[in-house]
Amino acid sequence: MTSKFLRYLSEPLNAKLIIEMKDRGEATASQLMETFQDIPQATLYRRLQKMLKDGILKVVGENQIRGTLEKVYALDFDIAKIEQRLAKDNDGEMYMQLVTYYMLGILKEFDEYTSSDGIDLANDGSGCSIAPIYATHEELTGALLKIGEIITDLQSHKPDGKRKLHNLCIITTPPKN
């Protein structure tokens, strides 16, 4: 796992694109524009080019569309293998680096939100909470699977006049002794 990849995960827009590419397997810029209608086209193309240059994405095909070639992108690495390697190596230092980049990305979103004009803390759907729980490994896994089902359903929604993009972050801390 490279630190370059971890830095990409700390930027919310990059993280969204990486997650979408992981879920799709491959996609064109046009397909990503349909999914992320809130991202300006020029911004999306710049991000894709940077991710391509930095080895996060690769071109896996090209489609001929009215005289131009449309690139088909895919991740240039297997996230599942990275996760498996992290678990296999039990690398605490790398895990801490991953958590740090993840948290920096969340903090950046809150900083941008709280620095903008017209925030509405009561109605914008932002917040955080802590719910201390006692659970076995099996109980915790079951609860996270149920939460995952709810999130998967919400991820299928498309942006419209009423739906706004939120990042729902679920953090499970290590057990306390």
N, C-alpha and C. Protein backbone atom coordinates (compact mmCIF):
# COMPACT_ATOMS: atom_id res chain seq x y z
N MET A 1 0.86 -1.17 0.00
CA MET A 1 0.00 0.00 0.00
C MET A 1 0.90 1.22 0.00
N THR A 2 0.72 2.09 -0.95
CA THR A 2 1.59 3.25 -1.04
C THR A 2 1.01 4.42 -0.28
N SER A 3 1.89 5.31 0.15
CA SER A 3 1.41 6.51 0.83
C SER A 3 0.68 7.41 -0.15
N LYS A 4 1.00 7.30 -1.44
CA LYS A 4 0.30 8.09 -2.46
C LYS A 4 -1.19 7.70 -2.48
N PHE A 5 -1.46 6.40 -2.45
CA PHE A 5 -2.85 5.93 -2.41
C PHE A 5 -3.54 6.43 -1.15
N LEU A 6 -2.87 6.35 -0.01
CA LEU A 6 -3.47 6.81 1.24
C LEU A 6 -3.77 8.31 1.19
N ARG A 7 -2.88 9.09 0.57
CA ARG A 7 -3.15 10.52 0.43
C ARG A 7 -4.39 10.75 -0.42
N TYR A 8 -4.59 9.93 -1.45
CA TYR A 8 -5.79 10.06 -2.27
C TYR A 8 -7.05 9.81 -1.45
N LEU A 9 -6.99 8.86 -0.54
CA LEU A 9 -8.16 8.56 0.29
C LEU A 9 -8.50 9.69 1.25
N SER A 10 -7.52 10.54 1.57
CA SER A 10 -7.77 11.63 2.51
C SER A 10 -8.51 12.78 1.86
N GLU A 11 -8.64 12.79 0.53
CA GLU A 11 -9.35 13.85 -0.19
C GLU A 11 -10.73 13.30 -0.55
N PRO A 12 -11.80 13.89 -0.03
CA PRO A 12 -13.14 13.33 -0.20
C PRO A 12 -13.54 13.06 -1.65
N LEU A 13 -13.25 13.97 -2.56
CA LEU A 13 -13.64 13.76 -3.96
C LEU A 13 -12.88 12.58 -4.55
N ASN A 14 -11.60 12.50 -4.29
CA ASN A 14 -10.81 11.37 -4.78
C ASN A 14 -11.32 10.06 -4.18
N ALA A 15 -11.63 10.08 -2.89
CA ALA A 15 -12.13 8.88 -2.23
C ALA A 15 -13.44 8.42 -2.87
N LYS A 16 -14.33 9.37 -3.19
CA LYS A 16 -15.60 9.01 -3.85
C LYS A 16 -15.33 8.35 -5.19
N LEU A 17 -14.40 8.90 -5.96
CA LEU A 17 -14.09 8.33 -7.27
C LEU A 17 -13.48 6.94 -7.14
N ILE A 18 -12.59 6.76 -6.17
CA ILE A 18 -11.97 5.44 -5.96
C ILE A 18 -13.03 4.42 -5.56
N ILE A 19 -13.92 4.79 -4.66
CA ILE A 19 -14.97 3.86 -4.22
C ILE A 19 -15.89 3.51 -5.38
N GLU A 20 -16.24 4.50 -6.18
CA GLU A 20 -17.11 4.24 -7.35
C GLU A 20 -16.41 3.31 -8.33
N MET A 21 -15.14 3.54 -8.57
CA MET A 21 -14.40 2.68 -9.49
C MET A 21 -14.28 1.27 -8.93
N LYS A 22 -14.09 1.14 -7.63
CA LYS A 22 -14.03 -0.18 -7.00
C LYS A 22 -15.35 -0.90 -7.19
N ASP A 23 -16.47 -0.20 -6.99
CA ASP A 23 -17.80 -0.82 -7.11
C ASP A 23 -18.12 -1.19 -8.56
N ARG A 24 -17.76 -0.32 -9.51
CA ARG A 24 -18.07 -0.55 -10.92
C ARG A 24 -17.11 -1.53 -11.61
N GLY A 25 -15.87 -1.51 -11.18
CA GLY A 25 -14.85 -2.29 -11.88
C GLY A 25 -14.17 -1.44 -12.94
N GLU A 26 -14.97 -0.82 -13.79
CA GLU A 26 -14.44 0.11 -14.79
C GLU A 26 -15.55 1.09 -15.18
N ALA A 27 -15.12 2.26 -15.67
CA ALA A 27 -16.09 3.29 -16.04
C ALA A 27 -15.43 4.32 -16.95
N THR A 28 -16.27 4.99 -17.72
CA THR A 28 -15.81 6.12 -18.54
C THR A 28 -16.07 7.40 -17.78
N ALA A 29 -15.48 8.47 -18.24
CA ALA A 29 -15.73 9.78 -17.62
C ALA A 29 -17.21 10.13 -17.72
N SER A 30 -17.85 9.79 -18.84
CA SER A 30 -19.28 10.07 -19.01
C SER A 30 -20.12 9.35 -17.96
N GLN A 31 -19.79 8.10 -17.70
CA GLN A 31 -20.52 7.35 -16.68
C GLN A 31 -20.32 7.96 -15.30
N LEU A 32 -19.11 8.40 -15.02
CA LEU A 32 -18.85 9.03 -13.72
C LEU A 32 -19.58 10.36 -13.61
N MET A 33 -19.69 11.09 -14.73
CA MET A 33 -20.43 12.36 -14.73
C MET A 33 -21.91 12.12 -14.40
N GLU A 34 -22.47 11.04 -14.89
CA GLU A 34 -23.87 10.71 -14.59
C GLU A 34 -24.05 10.43 -13.10
N THR A 35 -23.08 9.75 -12.51
CA THR A 35 -23.16 9.41 -11.09
C THR A 35 -22.91 10.63 -10.21
N PHE A 36 -21.92 11.44 -10.58
CA PHE A 36 -21.54 12.60 -9.77
C PHE A 36 -21.88 13.88 -10.51
N GLN A 37 -23.17 14.17 -10.61
CA GLN A 37 -23.62 15.35 -11.34
C GLN A 37 -23.21 16.65 -10.67
N ASP A 38 -22.80 16.57 -9.41
CA ASP A 38 -22.39 17.77 -8.67
C ASP A 38 -20.92 18.13 -8.92
N ILE A 39 -20.18 17.29 -9.62
CA ILE A 39 -18.78 17.56 -9.91
C ILE A 39 -18.68 18.21 -11.28
N PRO A 40 -18.12 19.41 -11.38
CA PRO A 40 -17.96 20.03 -12.70
C PRO A 40 -17.13 19.14 -13.63
N GLN A 41 -17.49 19.13 -14.90
CA GLN A 41 -16.84 18.26 -15.87
C GLN A 41 -15.34 18.48 -15.91
N ALA A 42 -14.91 19.73 -15.93
CA ALA A 42 -13.47 20.02 -15.99
C ALA A 42 -12.75 19.47 -14.77
N THR A 43 -13.36 19.58 -13.60
CA THR A 43 -12.77 19.06 -12.36
C THR A 43 -12.63 17.55 -12.45
N LEU A 44 -13.68 16.88 -12.93
CA LEU A 44 -13.63 15.43 -13.05
C LEU A 44 -12.51 15.00 -13.98
N TYR A 45 -12.41 15.63 -15.14
CA TYR A 45 -11.37 15.26 -16.10
C TYR A 45 -9.97 15.51 -15.53
N ARG A 46 -9.79 16.62 -14.80
CA ARG A 46 -8.48 16.88 -14.18
C ARG A 46 -8.14 15.79 -13.16
N ARG A 47 -9.13 15.41 -12.35
CA ARG A 47 -8.90 14.37 -11.33
C ARG A 47 -8.53 13.05 -11.99
N LEU A 48 -9.26 12.68 -13.04
CA LEU A 48 -8.98 11.42 -13.72
C LEU A 48 -7.57 11.42 -14.30
N GLN A 49 -7.17 12.54 -14.91
CA GLN A 49 -5.82 12.63 -15.49
C GLN A 49 -4.75 12.52 -14.41
N LYS A 50 -4.96 13.18 -13.28
CA LYS A 50 -3.99 13.11 -12.18
C LYS A 50 -3.91 11.70 -11.62
N MET A 51 -5.08 11.05 -11.45
CA MET A 51 -5.10 9.69 -10.93
C MET A 51 -4.43 8.72 -11.90
N LEU A 52 -4.58 8.97 -13.18
CA LEU A 52 -3.93 8.16 -14.21
C LEU A 52 -2.42 8.33 -14.12
N LYS A 53 -1.98 9.58 -14.04
CA LYS A 53 -0.54 9.90 -13.96
C LYS A 53 0.09 9.31 -12.70
N ASP A 54 -0.65 9.32 -11.59
CA ASP A 54 -0.11 8.85 -10.31
C ASP A 54 -0.25 7.34 -10.11
N GLY A 55 -0.79 6.63 -11.10
CA GLY A 55 -0.89 5.18 -11.00
C GLY A 55 -2.04 4.67 -10.17
N ILE A 56 -3.01 5.53 -9.90
CA ILE A 56 -4.21 5.11 -9.16
C ILE A 56 -5.19 4.45 -10.14
N LEU A 57 -5.28 5.02 -11.35
CA LEU A 57 -6.13 4.48 -12.41
C LEU A 57 -5.28 4.02 -13.58
N LYS A 58 -5.88 3.18 -14.41
CA LYS A 58 -5.27 2.78 -15.68
C LYS A 58 -6.37 2.79 -16.74
N VAL A 59 -5.96 2.91 -17.99
CA VAL A 59 -6.90 2.83 -19.11
C VAL A 59 -6.98 1.37 -19.53
N VAL A 60 -8.21 0.83 -19.53
CA VAL A 60 -8.39 -0.58 -19.87
C VAL A 60 -9.10 -0.76 -21.21
N GLY A 61 -9.47 0.35 -21.83
CA GLY A 61 -10.14 0.27 -23.13
C GLY A 61 -10.46 1.64 -23.65
N GLU A 62 -10.93 1.67 -24.89
CA GLU A 62 -11.36 2.92 -25.51
C GLU A 62 -12.59 2.64 -26.34
N ASN A 63 -13.55 3.56 -26.29
CA ASN A 63 -14.77 3.46 -27.07
C ASN A 63 -14.79 4.57 -28.11
N GLN A 64 -15.10 4.22 -29.33
CA GLN A 64 -15.22 5.22 -30.40
C GLN A 64 -16.61 5.86 -30.28
N ILE A 65 -16.63 7.17 -30.04
CA ILE A 65 -17.90 7.88 -29.92
C ILE A 65 -17.84 9.12 -30.80
N ARG A 66 -18.61 9.13 -31.86
CA ARG A 66 -18.69 10.26 -32.79
C ARG A 66 -17.34 10.89 -33.09
N GLY A 67 -16.40 10.11 -33.54
CA GLY A 67 -15.11 10.65 -33.97
C GLY A 67 -14.09 10.86 -32.87
N THR A 68 -14.45 10.61 -31.63
CA THR A 68 -13.47 10.74 -30.55
C THR A 68 -13.36 9.42 -29.80
N LEU A 69 -12.24 9.25 -29.14
CA LEU A 69 -12.04 8.06 -28.33
C LEU A 69 -12.32 8.38 -26.87
N GLU A 70 -13.22 7.60 -26.28
CA GLU A 70 -13.55 7.76 -24.87
C GLU A 70 -12.81 6.67 -24.10
N LYS A 71 -12.02 7.07 -23.11
CA LYS A 71 -11.23 6.12 -22.33
C LYS A 71 -12.12 5.40 -21.32
N VAL A 72 -11.80 4.14 -21.10
CA VAL A 72 -12.44 3.34 -20.07
C VAL A 72 -11.39 3.14 -18.97
N TYR A 73 -11.71 3.59 -17.75
CA TYR A 73 -10.77 3.56 -16.63
C TYR A 73 -11.08 2.42 -15.67
N ALA A 74 -10.06 1.96 -14.99
CA ALA A 74 -10.20 1.00 -13.89
C ALA A 74 -9.10 1.31 -12.88
N LEU A 75 -9.29 0.82 -11.65
CA LEU A 75 -8.24 1.00 -10.65
C LEU A 75 -7.01 0.22 -11.08
N ASP A 76 -5.85 0.77 -10.79
CA ASP A 76 -4.60 0.15 -11.18
C ASP A 76 -4.04 -0.73 -10.06
N PHE A 77 -4.89 -1.13 -9.14
CA PHE A 77 -4.51 -2.00 -8.03
C PHE A 77 -5.78 -2.65 -7.52
N ASP A 78 -5.64 -3.65 -6.71
CA ASP A 78 -6.78 -4.37 -6.15
C ASP A 78 -6.92 -3.99 -4.67
N ILE A 79 -7.95 -3.23 -4.35
CA ILE A 79 -8.15 -2.78 -2.97
C ILE A 79 -8.32 -3.98 -2.05
N ALA A 80 -9.02 -5.01 -2.51
CA ALA A 80 -9.22 -6.20 -1.66
C ALA A 80 -7.88 -6.82 -1.28
N LYS A 81 -6.94 -6.85 -2.22
CA LYS A 81 -5.62 -7.42 -1.91
C LYS A 81 -4.88 -6.55 -0.90
N ILE A 82 -5.04 -5.24 -1.02
CA ILE A 82 -4.42 -4.33 -0.05
C ILE A 82 -4.99 -4.59 1.34
N GLU A 83 -6.32 -4.72 1.42
CA GLU A 83 -6.96 -4.98 2.71
C GLU A 83 -6.52 -6.33 3.27
N GLN A 84 -6.43 -7.35 2.39
CA GLN A 84 -6.00 -8.68 2.83
C GLN A 84 -4.56 -8.64 3.33
N ARG A 85 -3.71 -7.92 2.60
CA ARG A 85 -2.30 -7.83 3.00
C ARG A 85 -2.17 -7.12 4.34
N LEU A 86 -2.94 -6.06 4.53
CA LEU A 86 -2.90 -5.33 5.78
C LEU A 86 -3.31 -6.25 6.94
N ALA A 87 -4.38 -7.01 6.74
CA ALA A 87 -4.83 -7.93 7.79
C ALA A 87 -3.83 -9.06 8.02
N LYS A 88 -3.27 -9.60 6.93
CA LYS A 88 -2.31 -10.71 7.03
C LYS A 88 -1.03 -10.26 7.73
N ASP A 89 -0.51 -9.12 7.33
CA ASP A 89 0.74 -8.63 7.91
C ASP A 89 0.54 -8.08 9.32
N ASN A 90 -0.74 -7.79 9.66
CA ASN A 90 -1.05 -7.24 10.97
C ASN A 90 -0.16 -6.05 11.28
N ASP A 91 -0.01 -5.18 10.29
CA ASP A 91 0.90 -4.04 10.34
C ASP A 91 0.23 -2.86 11.04
N GLY A 92 0.49 -2.73 12.33
CA GLY A 92 -0.13 -1.66 13.11
C GLY A 92 0.24 -0.27 12.62
N GLU A 93 1.48 -0.09 12.21
CA GLU A 93 1.92 1.22 11.73
C GLU A 93 1.18 1.61 10.45
N MET A 94 1.05 0.68 9.51
CA MET A 94 0.34 0.97 8.27
C MET A 94 -1.15 1.20 8.55
N TYR A 95 -1.72 0.43 9.46
CA TYR A 95 -3.12 0.62 9.83
C TYR A 95 -3.34 2.00 10.43
N MET A 96 -2.43 2.43 11.29
CA MET A 96 -2.53 3.77 11.89
C MET A 96 -2.43 4.84 10.82
N GLN A 97 -1.57 4.64 9.83
CA GLN A 97 -1.44 5.60 8.73
C GLN A 97 -2.74 5.67 7.94
N LEU A 98 -3.36 4.52 7.68
CA LEU A 98 -4.63 4.48 6.97
C LEU A 98 -5.72 5.22 7.75
N VAL A 99 -5.82 4.96 9.04
CA VAL A 99 -6.82 5.62 9.89
C VAL A 99 -6.56 7.13 9.93
N THR A 100 -5.31 7.54 9.99
CA THR A 100 -4.96 8.96 10.04
C THR A 100 -5.41 9.66 8.76
N TYR A 101 -5.12 9.07 7.60
CA TYR A 101 -5.55 9.68 6.34
C TYR A 101 -7.07 9.73 6.24
N TYR A 102 -7.72 8.69 6.69
CA TYR A 102 -9.18 8.63 6.70
C TYR A 102 -9.74 9.78 7.54
N MET A 103 -9.20 9.95 8.74
CA MET A 103 -9.67 11.00 9.64
C MET A 103 -9.37 12.39 9.08
N LEU A 104 -8.21 12.56 8.45
CA LEU A 104 -7.89 13.86 7.83
C LEU A 104 -8.91 14.22 6.76
N GLY A 105 -9.34 13.23 5.99
CA GLY A 105 -10.36 13.48 4.98
C GLY A 105 -11.67 13.94 5.60
N ILE A 106 -12.07 13.31 6.69
CA ILE A 106 -13.30 13.70 7.39
C ILE A 106 -13.15 15.11 7.96
N LEU A 107 -12.01 15.38 8.59
CA LEU A 107 -11.78 16.72 9.16
C LEU A 107 -11.80 17.79 8.07
N LYS A 108 -11.26 17.48 6.91
CA LYS A 108 -11.27 18.44 5.80
C LYS A 108 -12.71 18.78 5.39
N GLU A 109 -13.56 17.76 5.33
CA GLU A 109 -14.96 18.02 4.98
C GLU A 109 -15.63 18.92 6.00
N PHE A 110 -15.42 18.65 7.29
CA PHE A 110 -16.01 19.49 8.33
C PHE A 110 -15.45 20.90 8.29
N ASP A 111 -14.16 21.04 8.00
CA ASP A 111 -13.55 22.36 7.90
C ASP A 111 -14.17 23.15 6.76
N GLU A 112 -14.31 22.52 5.60
CA GLU A 112 -14.93 23.20 4.45
C GLU A 112 -16.37 23.58 4.75
N TYR A 113 -17.10 22.69 5.40
CA TYR A 113 -18.50 22.97 5.74
C TYR A 113 -18.61 24.13 6.72
N THR A 114 -17.84 24.07 7.80
CA THR A 114 -17.96 25.10 8.84
C THR A 114 -17.40 26.45 8.40
N SER A 115 -16.58 26.46 7.35
CA SER A 115 -16.02 27.70 6.83
C SER A 115 -16.89 28.34 5.76
N SER A 116 -17.93 27.64 5.32
CA SER A 116 -18.76 28.16 4.24
C SER A 116 -19.90 29.02 4.78
N ASP A 117 -20.42 29.87 3.92
CA ASP A 117 -21.55 30.71 4.29
C ASP A 117 -22.84 29.90 4.24
N GLY A 118 -23.78 30.26 5.08
CA GLY A 118 -25.11 29.68 5.01
C GLY A 118 -25.24 28.27 5.56
N ILE A 119 -24.36 27.89 6.48
CA ILE A 119 -24.52 26.55 7.04
C ILE A 119 -25.77 26.53 7.91
N ASP A 120 -26.38 25.36 8.00
CA ASP A 120 -27.60 25.19 8.78
C ASP A 120 -27.43 23.92 9.61
N LEU A 121 -26.83 24.07 10.78
CA LEU A 121 -26.50 22.93 11.62
C LEU A 121 -27.72 22.07 11.95
N ALA A 122 -28.88 22.71 12.10
CA ALA A 122 -30.07 21.96 12.47
C ALA A 122 -30.64 21.14 11.31
N ASN A 123 -30.41 21.57 10.07
CA ASN A 123 -31.08 20.92 8.94
C ASN A 123 -30.16 20.34 7.87
N ASP A 124 -28.87 20.52 7.97
CA ASP A 124 -27.97 20.04 6.93
C ASP A 124 -27.64 18.55 7.04
N GLY A 125 -28.05 17.90 8.11
CA GLY A 125 -27.80 16.47 8.23
C GLY A 125 -26.37 16.11 8.58
N SER A 126 -25.71 17.00 9.28
CA SER A 126 -24.33 16.77 9.67
C SER A 126 -24.28 16.54 11.17
N GLY A 127 -23.30 15.81 11.62
CA GLY A 127 -23.15 15.61 13.05
C GLY A 127 -22.28 14.41 13.35
N CYS A 128 -22.12 14.13 14.61
CA CYS A 128 -21.36 12.96 15.02
C CYS A 128 -21.84 12.53 16.39
N SER A 129 -21.65 11.27 16.68
CA SER A 129 -22.04 10.76 17.99
C SER A 129 -21.17 9.55 18.32
N ILE A 130 -21.17 9.20 19.57
CA ILE A 130 -20.46 8.01 20.03
C ILE A 130 -21.46 7.16 20.79
N ALA A 131 -21.48 5.87 20.49
CA ALA A 131 -22.38 4.94 21.17
C ALA A 131 -21.57 3.77 21.71
N PRO A 132 -21.12 3.86 22.96
CA PRO A 132 -20.36 2.74 23.52
C PRO A 132 -21.23 1.48 23.55
N ILE A 133 -20.69 0.37 23.07
CA ILE A 133 -21.44 -0.89 23.04
C ILE A 133 -20.54 -2.02 23.54
N TYR A 134 -21.17 -3.06 24.04
CA TYR A 134 -20.48 -4.30 24.38
C TYR A 134 -21.00 -5.34 23.40
N ALA A 135 -20.11 -5.98 22.67
CA ALA A 135 -20.53 -6.95 21.68
C ALA A 135 -19.44 -7.99 21.45
N THR A 136 -19.89 -9.19 21.13
CA THR A 136 -18.94 -10.21 20.69
C THR A 136 -18.54 -9.87 19.26
N HIS A 137 -17.52 -10.54 18.78
CA HIS A 137 -17.09 -10.33 17.39
C HIS A 137 -18.25 -10.63 16.44
N GLU A 138 -18.98 -11.70 16.70
CA GLU A 138 -20.09 -12.08 15.84
C GLU A 138 -21.21 -11.04 15.88
N GLU A 139 -21.54 -10.54 17.06
CA GLU A 139 -22.59 -9.52 17.19
C GLU A 139 -22.20 -8.24 16.45
N LEU A 140 -20.95 -7.83 16.62
CA LEU A 140 -20.47 -6.62 15.94
C LEU A 140 -20.50 -6.80 14.43
N THR A 141 -20.03 -7.95 13.95
CA THR A 141 -20.04 -8.23 12.51
C THR A 141 -21.46 -8.20 11.97
N GLY A 142 -22.39 -8.81 12.67
CA GLY A 142 -23.79 -8.81 12.25
C GLY A 142 -24.38 -7.41 12.18
N ALA A 143 -24.08 -6.60 13.18
CA ALA A 143 -24.59 -5.21 13.18
C ALA A 143 -24.00 -4.42 12.02
N LEU A 144 -22.71 -4.59 11.76
CA LEU A 144 -22.08 -3.87 10.65
C LEU A 144 -22.62 -4.32 9.30
N LEU A 145 -22.94 -5.60 9.17
CA LEU A 145 -23.56 -6.08 7.92
C LEU A 145 -24.93 -5.44 7.70
N LYS A 146 -25.73 -5.32 8.76
CA LYS A 146 -27.04 -4.67 8.65
C LYS A 146 -26.89 -3.19 8.28
N ILE A 147 -25.94 -2.51 8.89
CA ILE A 147 -25.68 -1.11 8.56
C ILE A 147 -25.24 -1.01 7.10
N GLY A 148 -24.41 -1.96 6.66
CA GLY A 148 -23.96 -1.99 5.28
C GLY A 148 -25.12 -2.12 4.29
N GLU A 149 -26.13 -2.91 4.64
CA GLU A 149 -27.31 -3.06 3.78
C GLU A 149 -28.05 -1.73 3.64
N ILE A 150 -28.19 -1.02 4.74
CA ILE A 150 -28.86 0.29 4.70
C ILE A 150 -28.07 1.26 3.83
N ILE A 151 -26.75 1.28 4.01
CA ILE A 151 -25.90 2.18 3.24
C ILE A 151 -25.95 1.84 1.75
N THR A 152 -25.92 0.55 1.42
CA THR A 152 -25.99 0.14 0.01
C THR A 152 -27.27 0.66 -0.64
N ASP A 153 -28.37 0.59 0.08
CA ASP A 153 -29.63 1.12 -0.46
C ASP A 153 -29.53 2.62 -0.69
N LEU A 154 -28.97 3.36 0.24
CA LEU A 154 -28.82 4.81 0.09
C LEU A 154 -27.88 5.16 -1.05
N GLN A 155 -26.85 4.35 -1.28
CA GLN A 155 -25.89 4.62 -2.35
C GLN A 155 -26.52 4.50 -3.73
N SER A 156 -27.63 3.81 -3.84
CA SER A 156 -28.29 3.66 -5.14
C SER A 156 -29.07 4.91 -5.54
N HIS A 157 -29.28 5.83 -4.61
CA HIS A 157 -30.00 7.07 -4.92
C HIS A 157 -29.16 7.96 -5.82
N LYS A 158 -29.83 8.65 -6.73
CA LYS A 158 -29.17 9.60 -7.62
C LYS A 158 -29.39 11.02 -7.10
N PRO A 159 -28.45 11.93 -7.40
CA PRO A 159 -28.65 13.32 -6.95
C PRO A 159 -29.85 13.94 -7.65
N ASP A 160 -30.57 14.76 -6.92
CA ASP A 160 -31.68 15.53 -7.49
C ASP A 160 -31.83 16.80 -6.67
N GLY A 161 -32.87 17.53 -6.86
CA GLY A 161 -33.04 18.80 -6.16
C GLY A 161 -33.12 18.67 -4.65
N LYS A 162 -33.60 17.53 -4.16
CA LYS A 162 -33.76 17.35 -2.71
C LYS A 162 -32.61 16.57 -2.09
N ARG A 163 -32.04 15.63 -2.84
CA ARG A 163 -30.97 14.80 -2.29
C ARG A 163 -29.63 15.51 -2.42
N LYS A 164 -28.94 15.62 -1.30
CA LYS A 164 -27.62 16.23 -1.29
C LYS A 164 -26.60 15.17 -0.88
N LEU A 165 -25.38 15.34 -1.38
CA LEU A 165 -24.33 14.38 -1.09
C LEU A 165 -23.85 14.52 0.35
N HIS A 166 -23.84 13.41 1.04
CA HIS A 166 -23.26 13.30 2.39
C HIS A 166 -22.32 12.12 2.37
N ASN A 167 -21.28 12.15 3.16
CA ASN A 167 -20.44 10.98 3.38
C ASN A 167 -20.78 10.44 4.76
N LEU A 168 -21.29 9.22 4.79
CA LEU A 168 -21.62 8.58 6.05
C LEU A 168 -20.41 7.75 6.46
N CYS A 169 -19.80 8.11 7.57
CA CYS A 169 -18.58 7.45 8.02
C CYS A 169 -18.89 6.60 9.25
N ILE A 170 -18.64 5.33 9.14
CA ILE A 170 -18.82 4.42 10.26
C ILE A 170 -17.42 4.08 10.79
N ILE A 171 -17.20 4.34 12.04
CA ILE A 171 -15.90 4.07 12.64
C ILE A 171 -16.11 3.07 13.77
N THR A 172 -15.43 1.98 13.69
CA THR A 172 -15.47 1.00 14.78
C THR A 172 -14.08 1.00 15.42
N THR A 173 -14.04 1.40 16.67
CA THR A 173 -12.75 1.48 17.35
C THR A 173 -12.30 0.09 17.80
N PRO A 174 -10.99 -0.06 18.01
CA PRO A 174 -10.51 -1.35 18.55
C PRO A 174 -11.09 -1.58 19.93
N PRO A 175 -11.15 -2.83 20.36
CA PRO A 175 -11.71 -3.11 21.69
C PRO A 175 -10.83 -2.56 22.80
N LYS A 176 -11.47 -2.16 23.86
CA LYS A 176 -10.74 -1.70 25.05
C LYS A 176 -10.55 -2.92 25.96
N ASN A 177 -9.41 -2.95 26.59
CA ASN A 177 -9.13 -4.09 27.50
C ASN A 177 -9.78 -3.90 28.84
